[in-house]
């Protein structure tokens, strides 16, 4: 993980310094390109998921792009951090399949729930609570979060590559190695690993481009695509500011808002602490994430979060907000070139995600394996994030387990009051998620 983190004794680069140094600017822009391509699938996937909540797919594409543009620009200019903000994959599933499908609430009410949760998120981010919670998290859990997200990325990448599939006799089985898309992904993985080992500048981006070109020449394309016409932009007002607060005092609304708040606050906190190249960027990035989450509710999509794929850009050299700004500009341009994204197959993106996840898993080495009370909660986070396909669920089990094990071991003095509070909140969240 050393490659992902710079020494905090060195001064943070300002946007002005990067703009004035061509080599730095080139590095940051390449990082932004890499992050964008690694997360660009969200433009297609997010609308497909929100469609099940009743949101029109073609209009949802606009909402996804606009919220990502706003988020990246706020992150870049305000926080000066290399983090890409897009509608989150975990929280959009909660939005659609829990709030709308299971609880039977409308997507307009779900947007209102997102706005309320984001306001609470902002209160935490803009007060001393964020520092209190961040300091309360022990090092073992922080490293566990980084490794867990890394393993999650590896799982996502292997799925996109077709190397693993949902099993019939097991949870996961080996995919079809004879599939052209899988063979293309394996080629891309070998190419990207080779470029990474040779320390080639922009190696991840080169791997994506070369693999995509070969995919086009061989006619390898993804089956799932979204058809969008810019002429539909005139109908976007059907999503804009359409949240409904008429059920705000109902029990389902309150329970859903609480659970979504827990997801937004602690998934973002864990991910930012796991991937940021400099811990000093955390406060600004956390605030930027909270503000953008609020905007997304008014823009007509599920809340934005820090994308785990930002780590691919950081590994490519991204250290400042120029990386996020570059990604934001590309998101805005994608509005006109959404059909072209269909030519960048999942097989081209998968290798970068796999390698980035593997690099993040190096943080396991920073965990004291001789202290089981510290190691086991981190272990739960590491395995449950990918196995449950939910960062927030993995965090919940780890944060609940840590204070319990310290108490059992007779080491209650090693747990801060804030950590007890976090464990209690996550326990409540697990109970509520079971009920609703």
Foldseek 3Di string as FASTA:
>chain_A
DLLQADDQVDDADDPVNCVVDPVSLVLLLLLLLLLLLLPVCCLQVQLVLCVLLVDDSQLVSVLQLVLQLLLLVLCFPFLFFLFGKTFDPQQSNCLRCVLCNVVVDHNLQSLVLLLLLLVVLLVCLPDCNLVVLLVQDDPLQLLLLLLQLLVQLLVVLCVLLQQWDQDDVDRIDGGDCVDPSNVLLVVLLVQLVVCVVVVPQSSLVVSLVVSLVVCVVVVNFDPRADDYDPVCVVVSVVQAQSHDCPCVVPPSSVLSSLLSSLQQNVVQLSLCSNRTNHPVSRSRSSNSQSVSSNVSSRSRGHGIGGDSSSNLSSSSPNHTSSSSNSSSVVSVVCVVVVVVSRSRGSSSSSSSSNVSSVVSSVSNVVRDPVPCLSNVLSVQQNPCCNVVVGNSVSSLSSLLSNCVSCVVVVNNVSRDPSSVVSNVSSVVSVVSVVVD
